[in-house]
Amino acid sequence: MWEGLNELINSKRQGHKSDKIISIKKDDKNLADLNETSNIFNNFFTSIAGQIRLKIRQNEVNFNDYLGVDNIFSFELIPCSPDDIIKLIDSLNTSKSITTFILKELKDIFSSPLSFLFNQTFTQGKFPDILKLASVIP
């Protein structure tokens, strides 16, 4: 396909039979060993980000200086209380799930630990992996 496209656009690369790299040159010597070649590429690509980062000049300007006026549509997460959790549980519909029915019956027991868990999640910015699992059954 590339050969056909190159012919159509009169590419200067016409006549090349293969683009396969046979060897690369490092420190003025040709390396033909595939393992050594792959290690050179690996070392280059794993270290290039650090080398680029060193070339970035540091800026003394605080990021707040770039911000405009406050956004009126912003929001704030305030800590929730066990009473907030109880109100939320009370608003759930028990006719759709036995789990919801059980949760409502045990809301006084679950409200404090759930409140603590939610507040820690917001404060630390981490969500427990165990709570990321779900069993969805149609």
C-alpha atoms as a PDB file:
ATOM      1  CA  MET A   1       0.000   0.000   0.000  1.00  0.00           C
ATOM      2  CA  TRP A   2       2.749   2.466   0.952  1.00  0.00           C
ATOM      3  CA  GLU A   3       4.674   1.664  -2.200  1.00  0.00           C
ATOM      4  CA  GLY A   4       1.583   2.454  -4.285  1.00  0.00           C
ATOM      5  CA  LEU A   5       0.957   5.708  -2.398  1.00  0.00           C
ATOM      6  CA  ASN A   6       4.596   6.742  -2.778  1.00  0.00           C
ATOM      7  CA  GLU A   7       4.381   6.186  -6.539  1.00  0.00           C
ATOM      8  CA  LEU A   8       1.231   8.307  -6.720  1.00  0.00           C
ATOM      9  CA  ILE A   9       2.788  11.233  -4.894  1.00  0.00           C
ATOM     10  CA  ASN A  10       6.199  10.830  -6.567  1.00  0.00           C
ATOM     11  CA  SER A  11       7.913  10.235  -3.247  1.00  0.00           C
ATOM     12  CA  LYS A  12      11.681  10.514  -3.243  1.00  0.00           C
ATOM     13  CA  ARG A  13      11.821   7.212  -1.401  1.00  0.00           C
ATOM     14  CA  GLN A  14      11.009   5.231  -4.544  1.00  0.00           C
ATOM     15  CA  GLY A  15      13.347   2.350  -5.086  1.00  0.00           C
ATOM     16  CA  HIS A  16      13.600   1.356  -1.433  1.00  0.00           C
ATOM     17  CA  LYS A  17      12.758  -2.319  -1.199  1.00  0.00           C
ATOM     18  CA  SER A  18      12.546  -2.511   2.584  1.00  0.00           C
ATOM     19  CA  ASP A  19      12.191  -0.184   5.526  1.00  0.00           C
ATOM     20  CA  LYS A  20      13.469  -2.846   7.900  1.00  0.00           C
ATOM     21  CA  ILE A  21      16.234  -1.625  10.199  1.00  0.00           C
ATOM     22  CA  ILE A  22      19.182  -3.985   9.861  1.00  0.00           C
ATOM     23  CA  SER A  23      21.512  -2.168  12.212  1.00  0.00           C
ATOM     24  CA  ILE A  24      21.875   1.117  14.001  1.00  0.00           C
ATOM     25  CA  LYS A  25      24.929   3.223  14.626  1.00  0.00           C
ATOM     26  CA  LYS A  26      26.001   4.095  18.158  1.00  0.00           C
ATOM     27  CA  ASP A  27      29.297   5.728  19.037  1.00  0.00           C
ATOM     28  CA  ASP A  28      30.426   5.408  15.386  1.00  0.00           C
ATOM     29  CA  LYS A  29      29.974   1.638  15.266  1.00  0.00           C
ATOM     30  CA  ASN A  30      27.205  -0.390  13.663  1.00  0.00           C
ATOM     31  CA  LEU A  31      25.241  -2.650  15.951  1.00  0.00           C
ATOM     32  CA  ALA A  32      23.566  -5.649  14.344  1.00  0.00           C
ATOM     33  CA  ASP A  33      22.624  -7.554  17.505  1.00  0.00           C
ATOM     34  CA  LEU A  34      18.834  -7.294  17.931  1.00  0.00           C
ATOM     35  CA  ASN A  35      18.992  -7.464  21.735  1.00  0.00           C
ATOM     36  CA  GLU A  36      21.550  -4.687  21.913  1.00  0.00           C
ATOM     37  CA  THR A  37      19.544  -2.630  19.422  1.00  0.00           C
ATOM     38  CA  SER A  38      16.317  -3.068  21.388  1.00  0.00           C
ATOM     39  CA  ASN A  39      18.125  -2.140  24.617  1.00  0.00           C
ATOM     40  CA  ILE A  40      19.414   1.072  23.013  1.00  0.00           C
ATOM     41  CA  PHE A  41      15.886   2.006  21.908  1.00  0.00           C
ATOM     42  CA  ASN A  42      14.503   1.093  25.335  1.00  0.00           C
ATOM     43  CA  ASN A  43      17.107   3.194  27.159  1.00  0.00           C
ATOM     44  CA  PHE A  44      16.460   6.136  24.860  1.00  0.00           C
ATOM     45  CA  PHE A  45      12.686   6.129  25.231  1.00  0.00           C
ATOM     46  CA  THR A  46      12.713   5.513  28.994  1.00  0.00           C
ATOM     47  CA  SER A  47      15.161   8.355  29.659  1.00  0.00           C
ATOM     48  CA  ILE A  48      13.976  10.973  27.166  1.00  0.00           C
ATOM     49  CA  ALA A  49      11.212  12.337  29.442  1.00  0.00           C
ATOM     50  CA  GLY A  50      13.702  13.038  32.226  1.00  0.00           C
ATOM     51  CA  GLN A  51      16.088  14.742  29.811  1.00  0.00           C
ATOM     52  CA  ILE A  52      13.310  16.953  28.452  1.00  0.00           C
ATOM     53  CA  ARG A  53      12.134  17.815  31.966  1.00  0.00           C
ATOM     54  CA  LEU A  54      15.631  19.063  32.816  1.00  0.00           C
ATOM     55  CA  LYS A  55      15.466  21.494  29.871  1.00  0.00           C
ATOM     56  CA  ILE A  56      12.193  23.069  31.023  1.00  0.00           C
ATOM     57  CA  ARG A  57      12.891  26.330  32.782  1.00  0.00           C
ATOM     58  CA  GLN A  58      11.273  26.801  36.148  1.00  0.00           C
ATOM     59  CA  ASN A  59       8.677  29.513  36.473  1.00  0.00           C
ATOM     60  CA  GLU A  60       8.374  31.572  39.621  1.00  0.00           C
ATOM     61  CA  VAL A  61       4.771  32.550  38.835  1.00  0.00           C
ATOM     62  CA  ASN A  62       2.111  30.934  41.000  1.00  0.00           C
ATOM     63  CA  PHE A  63      -0.584  29.038  39.079  1.00  0.00           C
ATOM     64  CA  ASN A  64      -3.235  31.183  40.814  1.00  0.00           C
ATOM     65  CA  ASP A  65      -1.925  34.179  38.858  1.00  0.00           C
ATOM     66  CA  TYR A  66      -3.272  32.579  35.666  1.00  0.00           C
ATOM     67  CA  LEU A  67      -6.751  32.034  37.053  1.00  0.00           C
ATOM     68  CA  GLY A  68      -9.502  34.508  36.361  1.00  0.00           C
ATOM     69  CA  VAL A  69     -12.457  35.385  38.510  1.00  0.00           C
ATOM     70  CA  ASP A  70     -14.144  32.740  40.617  1.00  0.00           C
ATOM     71  CA  ASN A  71     -16.467  30.406  38.761  1.00  0.00           C
ATOM     72  CA  ILE A  72     -20.025  30.844  40.026  1.00  0.00           C
ATOM     73  CA  PHE A  73     -20.794  27.282  38.929  1.00  0.00           C
ATOM     74  CA  SER A  74     -18.141  25.682  41.148  1.00  0.00           C
ATOM     75  CA  PHE A  75     -19.138  23.322  43.929  1.00  0.00           C
ATOM     76  CA  GLU A  76     -17.836  22.261  47.298  1.00  0.00           C
ATOM     77  CA  LEU A  77     -17.954  18.867  48.960  1.00  0.00           C
ATOM     78  CA  ILE A  78     -18.816  19.290  52.609  1.00  0.00           C
ATOM     79  CA  PRO A  79     -18.546  16.429  55.103  1.00  0.00           C
ATOM     80  CA  CYS A  80     -21.661  14.332  55.527  1.00  0.00           C
ATOM     81  CA  SER A  81     -23.070  13.281  58.872  1.00  0.00           C
ATOM     82  CA  PRO A  82     -24.675   9.974  59.880  1.00  0.00           C
ATOM     83  CA  ASP A  83     -28.023  11.848  59.820  1.00  0.00           C
ATOM     84  CA  ASP A  84     -27.389  12.778  56.165  1.00  0.00           C
ATOM     85  CA  ILE A  85     -26.816   9.093  55.387  1.00  0.00           C
ATOM     86  CA  ILE A  86     -30.016   8.070  57.202  1.00  0.00           C
ATOM     87  CA  LYS A  87     -32.028  10.629  55.186  1.00  0.00           C
ATOM     88  CA  LEU A  88     -30.511   9.303  51.980  1.00  0.00           C
ATOM     89  CA  ILE A  89     -31.262   5.676  52.912  1.00  0.00           C
ATOM     90  CA  ASP A  90     -34.836   6.630  53.842  1.00  0.00           C
ATOM     91  CA  SER A  91     -35.314   8.085  50.352  1.00  0.00           C
ATOM     92  CA  LEU A  92     -34.471   4.753  48.661  1.00  0.00           C
ATOM     93  CA  ASN A  93     -37.239   2.644  47.114  1.00  0.00           C
ATOM     94  CA  THR A  94     -37.496  -0.726  48.901  1.00  0.00           C
ATOM     95  CA  SER A  95     -39.833  -2.303  46.371  1.00  0.00           C
ATOM     96  CA  LYS A  96     -37.030  -2.919  43.859  1.00  0.00           C
ATOM     97  CA  SER A  97     -34.405  -4.679  45.968  1.00  0.00           C
ATOM     98  CA  ILE A  98     -34.138  -6.837  49.046  1.00  0.00           C
ATOM     99  CA  THR A  99     -30.731  -5.249  49.656  1.00  0.00           C
ATOM    100  CA  THR A 100     -32.351  -1.825  49.944  1.00  0.00           C
ATOM    101  CA  PHE A 101     -34.906  -3.226  52.388  1.00  0.00           C
ATOM    102  CA  ILE A 102     -32.124  -4.678  54.568  1.00  0.00           C
ATOM    103  CA  LEU A 103     -30.138  -1.428  54.356  1.00  0.00           C
ATOM    104  CA  LYS A 104     -33.176   0.525  55.558  1.00  0.00           C
ATOM    105  CA  GLU A 105     -33.690  -1.854  58.455  1.00  0.00           C
ATOM    106  CA  LEU A 106     -30.042  -1.505  59.527  1.00  0.00           C
ATOM    107  CA  LYS A 107     -29.589   2.184  58.696  1.00  0.00           C
ATOM    108  CA  ASP A 108     -28.780   3.127  62.300  1.00  0.00           C
ATOM    109  CA  ILE A 109     -25.898   0.650  62.309  1.00  0.00           C
ATOM    110  CA  PHE A 110     -24.579   1.538  58.828  1.00  0.00           C
ATOM    111  CA  SER A 111     -24.958   5.329  58.908  1.00  0.00           C
ATOM    112  CA  SER A 112     -21.850   6.137  60.995  1.00  0.00           C
ATOM    113  CA  PRO A 113     -19.397   3.838  59.146  1.00  0.00           C
ATOM    114  CA  LEU A 114     -20.766   4.967  55.763  1.00  0.00           C
ATOM    115  CA  SER A 115     -20.480   8.617  56.751  1.00  0.00           C
ATOM    116  CA  PHE A 116     -16.878   8.064  57.846  1.00  0.00           C
ATOM    117  CA  LEU A 117     -16.076   6.167  54.626  1.00  0.00           C
ATOM    118  CA  PHE A 118     -17.589   8.852  52.369  1.00  0.00           C
ATOM    119  CA  ASN A 119     -15.824  11.661  54.215  1.00  0.00           C
ATOM    120  CA  GLN A 120     -12.466   9.872  54.031  1.00  0.00           C
ATOM    121  CA  THR A 121     -12.985   9.251  50.314  1.00  0.00           C
ATOM    122  CA  PHE A 122     -13.565  12.963  49.667  1.00  0.00           C
ATOM    123  CA  THR A 123     -10.805  14.134  52.016  1.00  0.00           C
ATOM    124  CA  GLN A 124      -8.110  11.787  50.700  1.00  0.00           C
ATOM    125  CA  GLY A 125      -9.258  11.710  47.073  1.00  0.00           C
ATOM    126  CA  LYS A 126      -9.147   7.908  47.044  1.00  0.00           C
ATOM    127  CA  PHE A 127     -11.937   5.442  46.437  1.00  0.00           C
ATOM    128  CA  PRO A 128     -11.510   1.952  47.968  1.00  0.00           C
ATOM    129  CA  ASP A 129     -10.901  -0.710  45.311  1.00  0.00           C
ATOM    130  CA  ILE A 130     -13.269  -3.117  47.050  1.00  0.00           C
ATOM    131  CA  LEU A 131     -16.142  -0.689  46.413  1.00  0.00           C
ATOM    132  CA  LYS A 132     -15.366  -0.446  42.689  1.00  0.00           C
ATOM    133  CA  LEU A 133     -16.775  -3.943  42.109  1.00  0.00           C
ATOM    134  CA  ALA A 134     -20.336  -4.524  41.075  1.00  0.00           C
ATOM    135  CA  SER A 135     -22.436  -7.495  40.105  1.00  0.00           C
ATOM    136  CA  VAL A 136     -24.878  -6.299  37.465  1.00  0.00           C
ATOM    137  CA  ILE A 137     -27.589  -8.842  36.746  1.00  0.00           C
ATOM    138  CA  PRO A 138     -30.412  -8.050  34.307  1.00  0.00           C
END
